[in-house]
């Protein structure tokens, strides 16, 4: 690990969401809801249709990125604490140019941490940790800072996604 990597801090964005932690967690653990949340515009749908329930689960998402075209990412759940925290590390899936490369899982990690923030509200912190990503890739994404606007948009969309539908 380089000296820069040892000083690296994950990129974090937080928002108070007007819903209890259980409602927020339910959306985050359901891959079919992730396109509702996507602030990056890269998600194209869930391959996995069952909710995540523990560390070791893998959920697959259809993606699009101009440099790679259409592909899939296999997201390995590495942290899971009911109604408090979920984290996954993406790995290249079907159609990704690095799918066949051994050890192509960079170790970058997306994490959502939930904390009660008053009656019916949750402080949601999304973090992106790319400290284990190869240095040239990390530099190209400004140590993950390029994702901050998409993360901000994701949390706003999450707040909308957990709201009950308006009365009929």
Protein backbone atom coordinates (compact mmCIF):
# COMPACT_ATOMS: atom_id res chain seq x y z
CA UNK A 1 0.00 0.00 0.00
CA UNK A 2 1.37 3.41 -0.92
CA UNK A 3 1.64 6.29 1.49
CA UNK A 4 -1.25 7.99 -0.34
CA UNK A 5 -3.43 4.90 0.13
CA UNK A 6 -2.78 4.91 3.88
CA UNK A 7 -4.10 8.51 4.06
CA UNK A 8 -7.10 7.80 1.87
CA UNK A 9 -10.56 8.57 3.25
CA UNK A 10 -13.66 7.06 1.64
CA UNK A 11 -16.05 9.45 -0.08
CA UNK A 12 -19.15 9.93 2.08
CA UNK A 13 -22.50 11.62 1.54
CA UNK A 14 -25.25 11.77 4.16
CA UNK A 15 -28.93 12.69 4.21
CA UNK A 16 -31.71 12.49 6.79
CA UNK A 17 -34.43 10.39 5.19
CA UNK A 18 -37.97 10.77 6.56
CA UNK A 19 -38.54 7.05 7.16
CA UNK A 20 -37.57 4.59 9.89
CA UNK A 21 -34.36 2.57 9.46
CA UNK A 22 -36.27 -0.67 8.75
CA UNK A 23 -38.07 0.91 5.77
CA UNK A 24 -34.82 2.31 4.37
CA UNK A 25 -33.00 -0.99 4.87
CA UNK A 26 -35.79 -2.89 3.14
CA UNK A 27 -35.28 -0.81 -0.02
CA UNK A 28 -31.47 -1.05 0.10
CA UNK A 29 -31.54 -4.85 0.40
CA UNK A 30 -33.93 -5.31 -2.53
CA UNK A 31 -31.97 -5.36 -5.81
CA UNK A 32 -35.16 -4.79 -7.79
CA UNK A 33 -35.43 -1.34 -6.15
CA UNK A 34 -31.87 -0.23 -6.99
CA UNK A 35 -32.83 1.29 -10.34
CA UNK A 36 -35.24 3.52 -8.38
CA UNK A 37 -32.24 4.79 -6.40
CA UNK A 38 -29.54 5.02 -9.05
CA UNK A 39 -28.10 8.52 -9.18
CA UNK A 40 -25.39 7.50 -11.66
CA UNK A 41 -27.68 6.48 -14.52
CA UNK A 42 -25.68 3.26 -15.01
CA UNK A 43 -28.13 0.66 -13.65
CA UNK A 44 -30.39 -1.09 -16.14
CA UNK A 45 -32.17 -3.54 -13.84
CA UNK A 46 -31.73 -6.42 -11.46
CA UNK A 47 -30.85 -9.93 -12.53
CA UNK A 48 -31.24 -11.06 -8.91
CA UNK A 49 -34.81 -10.62 -7.74
CA UNK A 50 -34.55 -11.83 -4.14
CA UNK A 51 -33.61 -9.49 -1.30
CA UNK A 52 -30.17 -9.68 0.26
CA UNK A 53 -30.28 -11.31 3.69
CA UNK A 54 -26.70 -11.91 4.90
CA UNK A 55 -22.97 -11.56 4.31
CA UNK A 56 -21.97 -13.83 1.45
CA UNK A 57 -25.03 -13.13 -0.68
CA UNK A 58 -24.33 -12.03 -4.25
CA UNK A 59 -26.77 -9.94 -6.24
CA UNK A 60 -26.30 -9.20 -9.92
CA UNK A 61 -27.24 -5.96 -11.64
CA UNK A 62 -27.45 -5.09 -15.34
CA UNK A 63 -25.33 -2.03 -16.10
CA UNK A 64 -24.36 0.33 -18.88
CA UNK A 65 -21.19 2.39 -19.10
CA UNK A 66 -20.09 3.99 -22.38
CA UNK A 67 -16.58 2.46 -22.19
CA UNK A 68 -17.94 -1.06 -21.61
CA UNK A 69 -21.41 -1.00 -23.17
CA UNK A 70 -23.98 -3.30 -21.55
CA UNK A 71 -22.67 -5.72 -18.90
CA UNK A 72 -23.42 -7.16 -15.48
CA UNK A 73 -21.84 -6.63 -12.08
CA UNK A 74 -21.88 -9.28 -9.36
CA UNK A 75 -22.14 -7.52 -6.00
CA UNK A 76 -20.71 -9.51 -3.09
CA UNK A 77 -22.28 -8.57 0.26
CA UNK A 78 -19.42 -8.12 2.73
CA UNK A 79 -21.25 -6.39 5.62
CA UNK A 80 -24.80 -6.89 6.79
CA UNK A 81 -26.33 -5.64 10.01
CA UNK A 82 -30.13 -5.64 9.93
CA UNK A 83 -31.55 -2.10 9.71
CA UNK A 84 -28.08 -0.59 10.37
CA UNK A 85 -25.52 -1.34 7.65
CA UNK A 86 -25.02 -3.05 4.33
CA UNK A 87 -21.93 -3.08 2.11
CA UNK A 88 -20.99 -4.82 -1.10
CA UNK A 89 -17.95 -5.18 -3.31
CA UNK A 90 -18.70 -5.29 -7.05
CA UNK A 91 -16.99 -7.76 -9.36
CA UNK A 92 -17.16 -7.94 -13.16
CA UNK A 93 -19.99 -10.15 -14.34
CA UNK A 94 -21.31 -11.39 -17.67
CA UNK A 95 -20.37 -9.09 -20.56
CA UNK A 96 -17.87 -7.00 -18.57
CA UNK A 97 -14.47 -6.72 -20.31
CA UNK A 98 -12.68 -7.93 -17.16
CA UNK A 99 -15.02 -10.85 -16.48
CA UNK A 100 -12.44 -13.50 -17.35
CA UNK A 101 -9.51 -11.81 -15.58
CA UNK A 102 -8.48 -13.71 -12.42
CA UNK A 103 -8.77 -11.62 -9.23
CA UNK A 104 -10.56 -8.86 -11.12
CA UNK A 105 -12.50 -7.89 -8.00
CA UNK A 106 -10.78 -4.61 -7.07
CA UNK A 107 -12.08 -4.51 -3.54
CA UNK A 108 -13.91 -1.23 -3.98
CA UNK A 109 -16.83 -1.05 -1.61
CA UNK A 110 -20.22 0.65 -1.46
CA UNK A 111 -21.61 0.99 2.06
CA UNK A 112 -24.86 2.33 3.48
CA UNK A 113 -24.93 3.08 7.20
CA UNK A 114 -28.23 3.89 8.90
CA UNK A 115 -28.73 5.67 12.22
CA UNK A 116 -32.01 6.70 13.84
CA UNK A 117 -32.49 10.47 13.50
CA UNK A 118 -35.65 11.11 15.50
CA UNK A 119 -39.15 9.72 15.18
CA UNK A 120 -39.60 8.13 11.78
CA UNK A 121 -36.31 9.46 10.38
CA UNK A 122 -32.96 7.91 9.50
CA UNK A 123 -29.54 9.43 8.88
CA UNK A 124 -28.29 7.53 5.83
CA UNK A 125 -24.59 7.70 4.96
CA UNK A 126 -23.46 6.29 1.66
CA UNK A 127 -19.73 5.73 1.32
CA UNK A 128 -17.48 4.65 -1.50
CA UNK A 129 -14.10 3.20 -0.56
CA UNK A 130 -11.68 2.67 -3.41
CA UNK A 131 -8.52 2.41 -1.29
CA UNK A 132 -7.75 -1.05 -2.71
CA UNK A 133 -8.39 -0.08 -6.34
CA UNK A 134 -5.27 0.01 -8.58
CA UNK A 135 -3.59 3.43 -8.32
CA UNK A 136 -4.10 4.38 -11.98
CA UNK A 137 -7.83 3.61 -11.78
CA UNK A 138 -8.14 5.42 -8.48
CA UNK A 139 -6.44 8.49 -9.92
CA UNK A 140 -8.83 8.41 -12.90
CA UNK A 141 -11.79 8.61 -10.53
CA UNK A 142 -10.16 11.23 -8.28
CA UNK A 143 -9.97 8.80 -5.35
CA UNK A 144 -13.70 8.20 -5.76
CA UNK A 145 -14.71 11.87 -5.59
CA UNK A 146 -16.21 11.66 -9.11
CA UNK A 147 -19.00 9.59 -7.56
CA UNK A 148 -20.05 12.23 -4.99
CA UNK A 149 -22.71 13.91 -7.21
CA UNK A 150 -24.23 10.52 -8.10
CA UNK A 151 -24.18 9.51 -4.43
CA UNK A 152 -26.00 12.74 -3.49
CA UNK A 153 -28.60 12.02 -6.17
CA UNK A 154 -28.94 8.41 -4.97
CA UNK A 155 -29.72 9.48 -1.42
CA UNK A 156 -32.33 11.98 -2.65
CA UNK A 157 -33.91 9.22 -4.72
CA UNK A 158 -33.78 6.88 -1.71
CA UNK A 159 -35.69 9.47 0.33
CA UNK A 160 -38.36 9.54 -2.39
CA UNK A 161 -38.43 5.74 -2.69
CA UNK A 162 -39.26 5.13 0.97
CA UNK A 163 -42.14 7.59 1.10
CA UNK A 164 -45.60 6.08 1.28
CA UNK A 165 -47.74 6.68 -1.77
CA UNK A 166 -50.07 9.69 -1.52
CA UNK A 167 -53.61 8.92 -0.41
CA UNK A 168 -55.98 8.14 -3.25
